[in-house]
Every structure is written in structure tokens, then in C-alpha cells.
Amino acid sequence: MKTSDAEILIVPGYKGANEDHWQSRWERNISTARFVEMGDWHKPVFEDWKENLLNETEKTSKPVFLVGHSIGAQVIVQAAKELKADIKGALLVAPPDVENPEIRPKHLMTFGPASRDPLPFPSVTIASRNDHFCAYEKAEDMAAAWGSMFMDAGESGHINHESGHGPWPEGLMVFSRFLNQIKL
């Protein structure tokens, strides 16, 4: 499948995605990609974010790919069974451990507990070995529960602008390969 055959919905995490974040760069460079406006970026409320994702997917007219980062990935997973659009797949990057009582800011725990249900569509989860929002083993465990292909990003922090992932060409290559494996 080519990007022109699908709508790519980008679901940022806590604080959104500034112009240098890889998600913003992808949105600018992939003609069929657009951001989902999730709600308050600095004090996210799970129910609001989930409702906004559900509403945005209902507006789609082509097959959909979801690209979530951080709690955006968790929202995708937790809303998966309620999504009515033709979801072809999801790229889930750096999902946080929303069950960890040490997570900061604390309101991220309102996005938990993490779903243990298999996703009803193909997915790839990419996690880092030194992400301060999630232990690598926890990310691997969540991906296994979701039935998601799991990829090790090495020591890449939270895979965001702050950890040096502006353009993130490696992520784009993974996403491209993933799209190519999906049939309409």
C-alpha cells in the first residue's frame, strides 16, 4: 500500500509535537498525513483524547493508518475496539508505562491501566532501552499482549525531539516497510 492510498492519522503524546519532532516532519512531508487534535496537550484527559481520536477516524474516507507516540500510542490501543473506520494498521512509538506510580507527570496514569487485549489490526511497536517513561521489558510485554511486532530502538530515549529524533529516518523506513506489507 502507498501513502496516497490511505489517510495517515498522527496521534502525538503529552505536550504534542513541536515543529522539529519527527511526527511534525512526517505530517509536513506525507501528503495524506494529518494530526489528530487530541485536546489539552499539557493536562491530557484520557476520555477527551479517546473521544477526539474516535471522532477523527469517523471522518475518514480511505483506509487509515495510525501513528502514535507516547500516550498517543496508548490512546490508540485503548480505543482500538471502538474505532469504526477501516484501520489498516498502527505504528506505536515509545508507549509509556501508564501503570507505573513513579511516572511523571502523575496525570499520565489516568491513561492506564494499559490494555492487554490483542489489537484488531496489524501493528508495530518501537521501544527504546533507556526511555524514562517505560522500561524496555514493560514495552516488550505490552507489545506481546497487543499482538504487535516489536522493534528494539536501542538506547534512544523517548524517541522524540529532545532525544535527538528530529527527522528520524529509521522510523520512516520502518513505517514505509510496514505500509508495503499491507494489502488493500
Protein backbone atom coordinates (compact mmCIF):
# COMPACT_ATOMS: atom_id res chain seq x y z
CA MET A 1 0.00 0.00 0.00
CA LYS A 2 1.19 3.53 -0.77
CA THR A 3 0.64 6.56 1.43
CA SER A 4 -1.59 8.03 -1.29
CA ASP A 5 -3.96 5.05 -0.79
CA ALA A 6 -4.53 5.82 2.88
CA GLU A 7 -5.16 8.52 5.43
CA ILE A 8 -2.34 8.72 7.97
CA LEU A 9 -3.58 9.99 11.31
CA ILE A 10 -0.79 11.17 13.58
CA VAL A 11 -1.54 10.95 17.29
CA PRO A 12 1.02 12.90 19.36
CA GLY A 13 1.70 12.37 23.02
CA TYR A 14 1.98 14.56 26.08
CA LYS A 15 2.84 18.17 25.12
CA GLY A 16 2.09 17.48 21.43
CA ALA A 17 4.77 17.52 18.75
CA ASN A 18 6.76 20.70 18.13
CA GLU A 19 7.84 21.59 14.59
CA ASP A 20 11.13 19.68 14.95
CA HIS A 21 9.52 16.46 16.25
CA TRP A 22 9.55 13.57 13.78
CA GLN A 23 5.73 13.44 13.81
CA SER A 24 5.52 17.08 12.68
CA ARG A 25 8.07 16.44 9.96
CA TRP A 26 6.13 13.41 8.74
CA GLU A 27 2.90 15.42 8.73
CA ARG A 28 4.56 18.09 6.58
CA ASN A 29 6.13 15.59 4.16
CA ILE A 30 3.42 12.95 3.72
CA SER A 31 0.58 14.47 1.71
CA THR A 32 -2.11 12.24 3.23
CA ALA A 33 -0.98 12.70 6.84
CA ARG A 34 -2.64 14.93 9.39
CA PHE A 35 -2.58 15.47 13.12
CA VAL A 36 -5.41 14.47 15.39
CA GLU A 37 -6.15 17.35 17.75
CA MET A 38 -6.31 15.44 20.98
CA GLY A 39 -7.21 18.17 23.46
CA ASP A 40 -5.18 19.75 26.24
CA TRP A 41 -1.57 18.84 25.46
CA HIS A 42 -0.26 19.74 28.93
CA LYS A 43 -3.00 18.23 31.11
CA PRO A 44 -4.31 15.41 28.95
CA VAL A 45 -7.59 13.75 29.92
CA PHE A 46 -7.93 10.20 28.64
CA GLU A 47 -11.66 10.31 27.86
CA ASP A 48 -11.28 13.55 25.88
CA TRP A 49 -8.34 12.18 23.91
CA LYS A 50 -10.10 8.91 23.16
CA GLU A 51 -13.26 10.71 22.03
CA ASN A 52 -11.25 13.03 19.76
CA LEU A 53 -9.49 10.05 18.16
CA LEU A 54 -12.79 8.23 17.61
CA ASN A 55 -14.35 11.34 16.07
CA GLU A 56 -11.39 11.96 13.75
CA THR A 57 -11.33 8.38 12.47
CA GLU A 58 -15.04 8.60 11.65
CA LYS A 59 -14.28 11.48 9.26
CA THR A 60 -12.01 9.34 7.10
CA SER A 61 -12.92 8.15 3.62
CA LYS A 62 -9.89 5.97 2.82
CA PRO A 63 -8.18 3.16 4.73
CA VAL A 64 -6.44 4.53 7.83
CA PHE A 65 -3.00 4.12 9.37
CA LEU A 66 -2.45 5.45 12.87
CA VAL A 67 0.93 6.75 14.02
CA GLY A 68 1.04 7.21 17.78
CA HIS A 69 3.81 8.47 20.01
CA SER A 70 3.91 8.11 23.80
CA ILE A 71 0.42 8.41 25.33
CA GLY A 72 -0.88 8.85 21.80
CA ALA A 73 0.10 5.19 21.30
CA GLN A 74 -1.75 4.22 24.49
CA VAL A 75 -4.89 6.05 23.32
CA ILE A 76 -4.80 4.16 20.02
CA VAL A 77 -4.50 0.83 21.81
CA GLN A 78 -7.27 1.57 24.29
CA ALA A 79 -9.65 2.92 21.64
CA ALA A 80 -8.88 0.15 19.12
CA LYS A 81 -12.05 -1.89 19.59
CA GLU A 82 -14.26 1.20 19.30
CA LEU A 83 -12.71 2.54 16.09
CA LYS A 84 -15.26 2.25 13.28
CA ALA A 85 -13.03 3.33 10.40
CA ASP A 86 -11.14 0.93 8.13
CA ILE A 87 -7.98 0.81 10.25
CA LYS A 88 -5.24 -0.99 8.31
CA GLY A 89 -2.52 -0.69 10.93
CA ALA A 90 -0.78 1.30 13.63
CA LEU A 91 2.77 2.35 14.36
CA LEU A 92 3.13 2.67 18.15
CA VAL A 93 6.27 4.50 19.21
CA ALA A 94 7.55 4.73 22.80
CA PRO A 95 4.35 3.76 24.60
CA PRO A 96 4.66 4.84 28.25
CA ASP A 97 4.07 2.62 31.26
CA VAL A 98 0.80 4.18 32.43
CA GLU A 99 0.64 1.76 35.38
CA ASN A 100 3.91 2.92 36.94
CA PRO A 101 3.16 5.01 40.07
CA GLU A 102 6.51 6.78 39.57
CA ILE A 103 5.57 8.20 36.16
CA ARG A 104 5.68 11.97 35.93
CA PRO A 105 3.56 13.91 35.41
CA LYS A 106 1.16 11.87 37.55
CA HIS A 107 -1.89 12.56 35.38
CA LEU A 108 -0.43 10.22 32.73
CA MET A 109 -1.60 7.38 34.99
CA THR A 110 -5.18 8.31 34.07
CA PHE A 111 -4.39 6.71 30.70
CA GLY A 112 -3.97 3.35 32.42
CA PRO A 113 -4.13 0.58 33.04
CA ALA A 114 -2.61 -0.47 29.75
CA SER A 115 -4.82 -2.70 27.63
CA ARG A 116 -3.86 -6.36 27.44
CA ASP A 117 -6.24 -7.06 24.54
CA PRO A 118 -4.89 -8.02 21.12
CA LEU A 119 -5.32 -5.26 18.55
CA PRO A 120 -7.85 -5.89 15.76
CA PHE A 121 -5.36 -4.62 13.16
CA PRO A 122 -1.63 -5.14 12.43
CA SER A 123 0.79 -3.02 14.42
CA VAL A 124 4.45 -2.34 15.05
CA THR A 125 5.66 -1.18 18.46
CA ILE A 126 9.04 0.53 18.69
CA ALA A 127 10.65 0.98 22.11
CA SER A 128 13.91 2.25 23.50
CA ARG A 129 16.09 0.58 26.11
CA ASN A 130 16.50 3.84 28.07
CA ASP A 131 13.10 5.51 27.81
CA HIS A 132 12.40 7.22 31.15
CA PHE A 133 8.64 6.78 30.55
CA CYS A 134 8.76 2.98 30.18
CA ALA A 135 11.11 0.13 30.99
CA TYR A 136 12.08 -1.81 27.88
CA GLU A 137 10.74 -5.09 29.29
CA LYS A 138 7.36 -3.48 30.03
CA ALA A 139 7.13 -2.15 26.45
CA GLU A 140 8.01 -5.59 25.11
CA ASP A 141 5.34 -7.18 27.33
CA MET A 142 2.66 -4.69 26.20
CA ALA A 143 3.54 -5.27 22.54
CA ALA A 144 3.25 -9.05 23.01
CA ALA A 145 -0.20 -8.66 24.59
CA TRP A 146 -1.31 -6.44 21.69
CA GLY A 147 -0.02 -8.93 19.10
CA SER A 148 2.28 -6.20 17.84
CA MET A 149 5.55 -6.74 16.03
CA PHE A 150 8.18 -5.42 18.45
CA MET A 151 11.27 -3.46 17.42
CA ASP A 152 14.25 -2.53 19.59
CA ALA A 153 15.32 1.10 19.06
CA GLY A 154 18.45 0.65 21.18
CA GLU A 155 19.27 3.46 23.59
CA SER A 156 17.13 6.16 22.01
CA GLY A 157 15.48 7.85 24.97
CA HIS A 158 11.81 8.69 24.46
CA ILE A 159 12.24 8.81 20.65
CA ASN A 160 11.31 12.47 20.43
CA HIS A 161 12.97 15.78 19.56
CA GLU A 162 14.63 16.00 22.98
CA SER A 163 16.36 12.65 22.43
CA GLY A 164 17.67 13.76 19.03
CA HIS A 165 14.92 12.30 16.85
CA GLY A 166 14.02 15.21 14.63
CA PRO A 167 13.64 13.70 11.15
CA TRP A 168 14.05 10.08 12.42
CA PRO A 169 14.67 8.46 9.01
CA GLU A 170 14.95 4.98 10.60
CA GLY A 171 11.37 5.28 11.85
CA LEU A 172 10.17 6.42 8.45
CA MET A 173 11.85 3.40 6.84
CA VAL A 174 10.09 1.07 9.32
CA PHE A 175 6.77 2.79 8.60
CA SER A 176 7.33 2.53 4.83
CA ARG A 177 8.10 -1.19 5.06
CA PHE A 178 5.05 -1.70 7.24
CA LEU A 179 2.81 0.08 4.71
CA ASN A 180 4.24 -2.02 1.88
CA GLN A 181 3.24 -5.24 3.67
CA ILE A 182 -0.42 -4.23 3.98
CA LYS A 183 -2.82 -5.13 1.20
CA LEU A 184 -5.99 -3.18 0.45
